[in-house]
């Protein structure tokens, strides 16, 4: 829903942050970052680990990556 034809990216203001919590392959995060950079949006890759059990037990972990 970020990069699709009806995705959110074209509607984001320059200088805003897109925080992506999906857990996917690194090349998708790189593609999102590249497209965000073209329009002046900061991209943070922030997948969540722990799954349903981690959520129920309040043990989720969010890992973040992006430009300094």
Protein backbone atom coordinates (compact mmCIF):
# COMPACT_ATOMS: atom_id res chain seq x y z
CA UNK A 1 0.00 0.00 0.00
CA UNK A 2 3.02 2.28 -0.01
CA UNK A 3 4.19 1.93 -3.60
CA UNK A 4 1.03 0.64 -5.28
CA UNK A 5 -1.00 2.74 -7.72
CA UNK A 6 -3.26 3.89 -4.87
CA UNK A 7 -0.51 3.88 -2.25
CA UNK A 8 0.16 6.52 0.38
CA UNK A 9 3.51 7.86 -0.89
CA UNK A 10 2.14 10.40 -3.42
CA UNK A 11 0.03 11.96 -0.66
CA UNK A 12 2.83 12.43 1.85
CA UNK A 13 4.33 15.86 2.48
CA UNK A 14 8.01 16.50 1.83
CA UNK A 15 9.94 16.12 5.10
CA UNK A 16 7.49 13.64 6.63
CA UNK A 17 8.43 10.19 7.91
CA UNK A 18 7.18 6.88 6.60
CA UNK A 19 7.65 4.16 9.21
CA UNK A 20 7.20 0.70 7.73
CA UNK A 21 6.43 -2.05 10.27
CA UNK A 22 6.08 -4.88 7.75
CA UNK A 23 8.45 -7.81 7.97
CA UNK A 24 9.68 -8.42 4.44
CA UNK A 25 12.81 -8.96 2.41
CA UNK A 26 15.51 -6.27 2.58
CA UNK A 27 15.17 -5.44 -1.12
CA UNK A 28 11.61 -4.18 -0.52
CA UNK A 29 12.82 -1.85 2.25
CA UNK A 30 15.53 -0.60 -0.12
CA UNK A 31 12.97 0.02 -2.88
CA UNK A 32 10.66 1.90 -0.47
CA UNK A 33 13.62 3.99 0.73
CA UNK A 34 14.63 4.83 -2.85
CA UNK A 35 11.11 5.92 -3.82
CA UNK A 36 10.67 7.94 -0.63
CA UNK A 37 13.97 9.72 -1.23
CA UNK A 38 12.77 10.82 -4.68
CA UNK A 39 9.92 12.82 -3.11
CA UNK A 40 11.69 14.04 0.03
CA UNK A 41 10.08 11.63 2.48
CA UNK A 42 12.21 9.95 5.16
CA UNK A 43 11.84 6.17 5.28
CA UNK A 44 12.37 4.10 8.42
CA UNK A 45 12.32 0.31 8.10
CA UNK A 46 10.97 -0.94 11.45
CA UNK A 47 9.88 -4.59 11.34
CA UNK A 48 8.27 -6.09 14.43
CA UNK A 49 9.27 -9.48 15.79
CA UNK A 50 7.48 -11.64 18.32
CA UNK A 51 4.31 -12.60 16.47
CA UNK A 52 0.94 -13.24 18.08
CA UNK A 53 2.42 -14.87 21.17
CA UNK A 54 4.83 -11.98 21.71
CA UNK A 55 1.96 -9.51 21.38
CA UNK A 56 -0.18 -11.37 23.89
CA UNK A 57 2.74 -11.50 26.32
CA UNK A 58 3.82 -7.87 25.66
CA UNK A 59 7.20 -9.04 24.32
CA UNK A 60 7.39 -7.47 20.87
CA UNK A 61 10.62 -6.03 19.56
CA UNK A 62 10.90 -3.33 16.89
CA UNK A 63 14.17 -3.07 14.95
CA UNK A 64 14.76 0.20 13.08
CA UNK A 65 16.95 1.12 10.16
CA UNK A 66 17.27 4.25 8.05
CA UNK A 67 19.47 7.20 7.22
CA UNK A 68 21.15 9.11 10.03
